[in-house]
């Protein structure tokens, strides 16, 4: 098996210290409804080339006790502008960070990354409460 030149670039991605995402108390926890958040101008950095990656990030969730506070989430997303991170890692990290503070009934994150070398990358991950 040929080793990738990308090996070792993302070893500590799960320990990345990101800005705090704040929440607010849902006044309708007895109702099942959906919140959709779209970030159409998301940017991060390719860890291999150092060039910017552009994407649309879509977050969809059904809140239980808490909802995402938007200003803090905006600051969270802006943090990634200077971070080298693979598309797959970004979506997974973002979902884990959001689920940790929001504890939703379910949540889905989709990252649609602009073409790089003629290839558009879309990464999706879902969480369902137990």
C-alpha atoms as a PDB file:
ATOM      1  CA  UNK A   1       0.000   0.000   0.000  1.00  0.00           C
ATOM      2  CA  UNK A   2       1.412   3.360  -1.015  1.00  0.00           C
ATOM      3  CA  UNK A   3       1.570   5.886   1.806  1.00  0.00           C
ATOM      4  CA  UNK A   4      -0.130   9.203   1.203  1.00  0.00           C
ATOM      5  CA  UNK A   5       1.764  12.476   1.331  1.00  0.00           C
ATOM      6  CA  UNK A   6      -1.165  13.675   3.478  1.00  0.00           C
ATOM      7  CA  UNK A   7      -0.290  11.302   6.296  1.00  0.00           C
ATOM      8  CA  UNK A   8       0.204  13.017   9.634  1.00  0.00           C
ATOM      9  CA  UNK A   9      -1.405  16.321   8.607  1.00  0.00           C
ATOM     10  CA  UNK A  10      -4.543  15.830  10.705  1.00  0.00           C
ATOM     11  CA  UNK A  11      -3.448  13.713  13.667  1.00  0.00           C
ATOM     12  CA  UNK A  12      -4.747  16.151  16.301  1.00  0.00           C
ATOM     13  CA  UNK A  13      -7.831  17.467  14.515  1.00  0.00           C
ATOM     14  CA  UNK A  14     -10.194  16.085  17.177  1.00  0.00           C
ATOM     15  CA  UNK A  15      -8.373  18.070  19.884  1.00  0.00           C
ATOM     16  CA  UNK A  16      -8.617  21.350  17.938  1.00  0.00           C
ATOM     17  CA  UNK A  17      -9.627  24.147  20.341  1.00  0.00           C
ATOM     18  CA  UNK A  18     -12.506  26.001  18.711  1.00  0.00           C
ATOM     19  CA  UNK A  19     -14.495  29.007  19.928  1.00  0.00           C
ATOM     20  CA  UNK A  20     -17.367  28.220  22.288  1.00  0.00           C
ATOM     21  CA  UNK A  21     -20.776  27.696  20.732  1.00  0.00           C
ATOM     22  CA  UNK A  22     -23.448  29.193  22.959  1.00  0.00           C
ATOM     23  CA  UNK A  23     -27.026  27.971  23.268  1.00  0.00           C
ATOM     24  CA  UNK A  24     -30.328  29.377  24.499  1.00  0.00           C
ATOM     25  CA  UNK A  25     -33.237  27.674  26.209  1.00  0.00           C
ATOM     26  CA  UNK A  26     -35.894  26.342  23.843  1.00  0.00           C
ATOM     27  CA  UNK A  27     -39.345  27.472  25.013  1.00  0.00           C
ATOM     28  CA  UNK A  28     -41.008  24.715  22.961  1.00  0.00           C
ATOM     29  CA  UNK A  29     -39.153  21.536  24.009  1.00  0.00           C
ATOM     30  CA  UNK A  30     -42.430  19.589  23.835  1.00  0.00           C
ATOM     31  CA  UNK A  31     -42.753  20.348  20.096  1.00  0.00           C
ATOM     32  CA  UNK A  32     -40.835  18.550  17.369  1.00  0.00           C
ATOM     33  CA  UNK A  33     -39.658  21.052  14.771  1.00  0.00           C
ATOM     34  CA  UNK A  34     -36.665  21.682  12.529  1.00  0.00           C
ATOM     35  CA  UNK A  35     -34.138  24.499  12.385  1.00  0.00           C
ATOM     36  CA  UNK A  36     -31.983  24.953   9.280  1.00  0.00           C
ATOM     37  CA  UNK A  37     -28.800  27.026   9.198  1.00  0.00           C
ATOM     38  CA  UNK A  38     -26.970  27.758   5.927  1.00  0.00           C
ATOM     39  CA  UNK A  39     -23.461  29.171   5.705  1.00  0.00           C
ATOM     40  CA  UNK A  40     -23.037  29.887   1.964  1.00  0.00           C
ATOM     41  CA  UNK A  41     -19.609  31.554   2.215  1.00  0.00           C
ATOM     42  CA  UNK A  42     -17.705  29.161   4.484  1.00  0.00           C
ATOM     43  CA  UNK A  43     -13.927  29.016   4.056  1.00  0.00           C
ATOM     44  CA  UNK A  44     -11.117  26.934   5.472  1.00  0.00           C
ATOM     45  CA  UNK A  45      -7.614  26.043   4.277  1.00  0.00           C
ATOM     46  CA  UNK A  46      -6.429  22.951   2.413  1.00  0.00           C
ATOM     47  CA  UNK A  47      -3.869  21.374   4.789  1.00  0.00           C
ATOM     48  CA  UNK A  48      -1.786  20.125   1.850  1.00  0.00           C
ATOM     49  CA  UNK A  49      -1.586  23.180  -0.414  1.00  0.00           C
ATOM     50  CA  UNK A  50      -2.374  26.031   1.988  1.00  0.00           C
ATOM     51  CA  UNK A  51      -4.942  27.335  -0.498  1.00  0.00           C
ATOM     52  CA  UNK A  52      -8.454  28.361   0.557  1.00  0.00           C
ATOM     53  CA  UNK A  53     -11.359  25.939   0.289  1.00  0.00           C
ATOM     54  CA  UNK A  54     -14.829  27.406  -0.201  1.00  0.00           C
ATOM     55  CA  UNK A  55     -18.031  25.635   0.788  1.00  0.00           C
ATOM     56  CA  UNK A  56     -21.663  25.869   1.701  1.00  0.00           C
ATOM     57  CA  UNK A  57     -22.296  24.315   5.103  1.00  0.00           C
ATOM     58  CA  UNK A  58     -25.852  23.276   5.936  1.00  0.00           C
ATOM     59  CA  UNK A  59     -26.903  22.421   9.479  1.00  0.00           C
ATOM     60  CA  UNK A  60     -30.330  20.965  10.115  1.00  0.00           C
ATOM     61  CA  UNK A  61     -31.550  19.875  13.540  1.00  0.00           C
ATOM     62  CA  UNK A  62     -34.505  19.274  15.807  1.00  0.00           C
ATOM     63  CA  UNK A  63     -33.897  20.987  19.140  1.00  0.00           C
ATOM     64  CA  UNK A  64     -34.777  19.464  22.458  1.00  0.00           C
ATOM     65  CA  UNK A  65     -33.837  21.685  25.418  1.00  0.00           C
ATOM     66  CA  UNK A  66     -31.424  24.062  23.625  1.00  0.00           C
ATOM     67  CA  UNK A  67     -31.021  25.971  20.354  1.00  0.00           C
ATOM     68  CA  UNK A  68     -27.824  27.255  18.723  1.00  0.00           C
ATOM     69  CA  UNK A  69     -27.068  30.910  19.429  1.00  0.00           C
ATOM     70  CA  UNK A  70     -26.235  32.333  15.987  1.00  0.00           C
ATOM     71  CA  UNK A  71     -23.591  34.958  16.790  1.00  0.00           C
ATOM     72  CA  UNK A  72     -21.410  32.459  18.631  1.00  0.00           C
ATOM     73  CA  UNK A  73     -21.915  29.943  15.820  1.00  0.00           C
ATOM     74  CA  UNK A  74     -20.834  32.585  13.299  1.00  0.00           C
ATOM     75  CA  UNK A  75     -17.644  33.190  15.312  1.00  0.00           C
ATOM     76  CA  UNK A  76     -17.125  29.423  15.450  1.00  0.00           C
ATOM     77  CA  UNK A  77     -17.344  29.138  11.653  1.00  0.00           C
ATOM     78  CA  UNK A  78     -15.049  32.148  11.083  1.00  0.00           C
ATOM     79  CA  UNK A  79     -12.385  30.400  13.197  1.00  0.00           C
ATOM     80  CA  UNK A  80     -11.865  27.863  10.397  1.00  0.00           C
ATOM     81  CA  UNK A  81     -10.767  30.526   7.876  1.00  0.00           C
ATOM     82  CA  UNK A  82      -7.163  30.069   9.007  1.00  0.00           C
ATOM     83  CA  UNK A  83      -7.294  26.359   9.801  1.00  0.00           C
ATOM     84  CA  UNK A  84      -5.938  23.638   7.544  1.00  0.00           C
ATOM     85  CA  UNK A  85      -8.520  20.860   7.692  1.00  0.00           C
ATOM     86  CA  UNK A  86      -9.767  18.112   5.405  1.00  0.00           C
ATOM     87  CA  UNK A  87     -13.392  18.409   4.308  1.00  0.00           C
ATOM     88  CA  UNK A  88     -14.307  15.124   5.971  1.00  0.00           C
ATOM     89  CA  UNK A  89     -12.731  16.156   9.265  1.00  0.00           C
ATOM     90  CA  UNK A  90     -14.442  19.538   9.235  1.00  0.00           C
ATOM     91  CA  UNK A  91     -17.943  18.075   8.974  1.00  0.00           C
ATOM     92  CA  UNK A  92     -17.249  15.479  11.658  1.00  0.00           C
ATOM     93  CA  UNK A  93     -15.654  18.012  14.037  1.00  0.00           C
ATOM     94  CA  UNK A  94     -18.464  20.505  13.534  1.00  0.00           C
ATOM     95  CA  UNK A  95     -21.140  17.902  14.224  1.00  0.00           C
ATOM     96  CA  UNK A  96     -19.396  16.660  17.367  1.00  0.00           C
ATOM     97  CA  UNK A  97     -18.970  20.218  18.676  1.00  0.00           C
ATOM     98  CA  UNK A  98     -22.598  21.154  18.015  1.00  0.00           C
ATOM     99  CA  UNK A  99     -24.077  17.944  19.445  1.00  0.00           C
ATOM    100  CA  UNK A 100     -21.977  18.367  22.584  1.00  0.00           C
ATOM    101  CA  UNK A 101     -23.575  21.723  23.463  1.00  0.00           C
ATOM    102  CA  UNK A 102     -27.028  21.493  21.858  1.00  0.00           C
ATOM    103  CA  UNK A 103     -27.877  17.820  22.526  1.00  0.00           C
ATOM    104  CA  UNK A 104     -30.569  17.831  19.810  1.00  0.00           C
ATOM    105  CA  UNK A 105     -33.107  15.148  18.993  1.00  0.00           C
ATOM    106  CA  UNK A 106     -31.247  14.765  15.696  1.00  0.00           C
ATOM    107  CA  UNK A 107     -28.828  16.796  13.633  1.00  0.00           C
ATOM    108  CA  UNK A 108     -27.393  16.638  10.140  1.00  0.00           C
ATOM    109  CA  UNK A 109     -24.487  18.589   8.694  1.00  0.00           C
ATOM    110  CA  UNK A 110     -23.696  18.744   4.998  1.00  0.00           C
ATOM    111  CA  UNK A 111     -20.608  20.422   3.583  1.00  0.00           C
ATOM    112  CA  UNK A 112     -20.628  21.090  -0.165  1.00  0.00           C
ATOM    113  CA  UNK A 113     -17.113  22.143  -1.133  1.00  0.00           C
ATOM    114  CA  UNK A 114     -16.429  24.011  -4.366  1.00  0.00           C
ATOM    115  CA  UNK A 115     -14.638  22.062  -7.091  1.00  0.00           C
ATOM    116  CA  UNK A 116     -10.941  21.449  -6.583  1.00  0.00           C
ATOM    117  CA  UNK A 117      -9.266  19.869  -9.595  1.00  0.00           C
ATOM    118  CA  UNK A 118     -12.675  19.453 -11.212  1.00  0.00           C
ATOM    119  CA  UNK A 119     -14.136  17.491  -8.269  1.00  0.00           C
ATOM    120  CA  UNK A 120     -16.879  18.781  -5.987  1.00  0.00           C
ATOM    121  CA  UNK A 121     -16.783  17.163  -2.559  1.00  0.00           C
ATOM    122  CA  UNK A 122     -19.932  16.760  -0.458  1.00  0.00           C
ATOM    123  CA  UNK A 123     -19.626  15.380   3.068  1.00  0.00           C
ATOM    124  CA  UNK A 124     -22.691  14.531   5.199  1.00  0.00           C
ATOM    125  CA  UNK A 125     -23.003  13.210   8.710  1.00  0.00           C
ATOM    126  CA  UNK A 126     -26.024  12.688  10.929  1.00  0.00           C
ATOM    127  CA  UNK A 127     -26.615  12.273  14.650  1.00  0.00           C
ATOM    128  CA  UNK A 128     -29.689  10.782  16.299  1.00  0.00           C
ATOM    129  CA  UNK A 129     -30.344  10.976  20.020  1.00  0.00           C
ATOM    130  CA  UNK A 130     -30.566   7.653  21.810  1.00  0.00           C
END
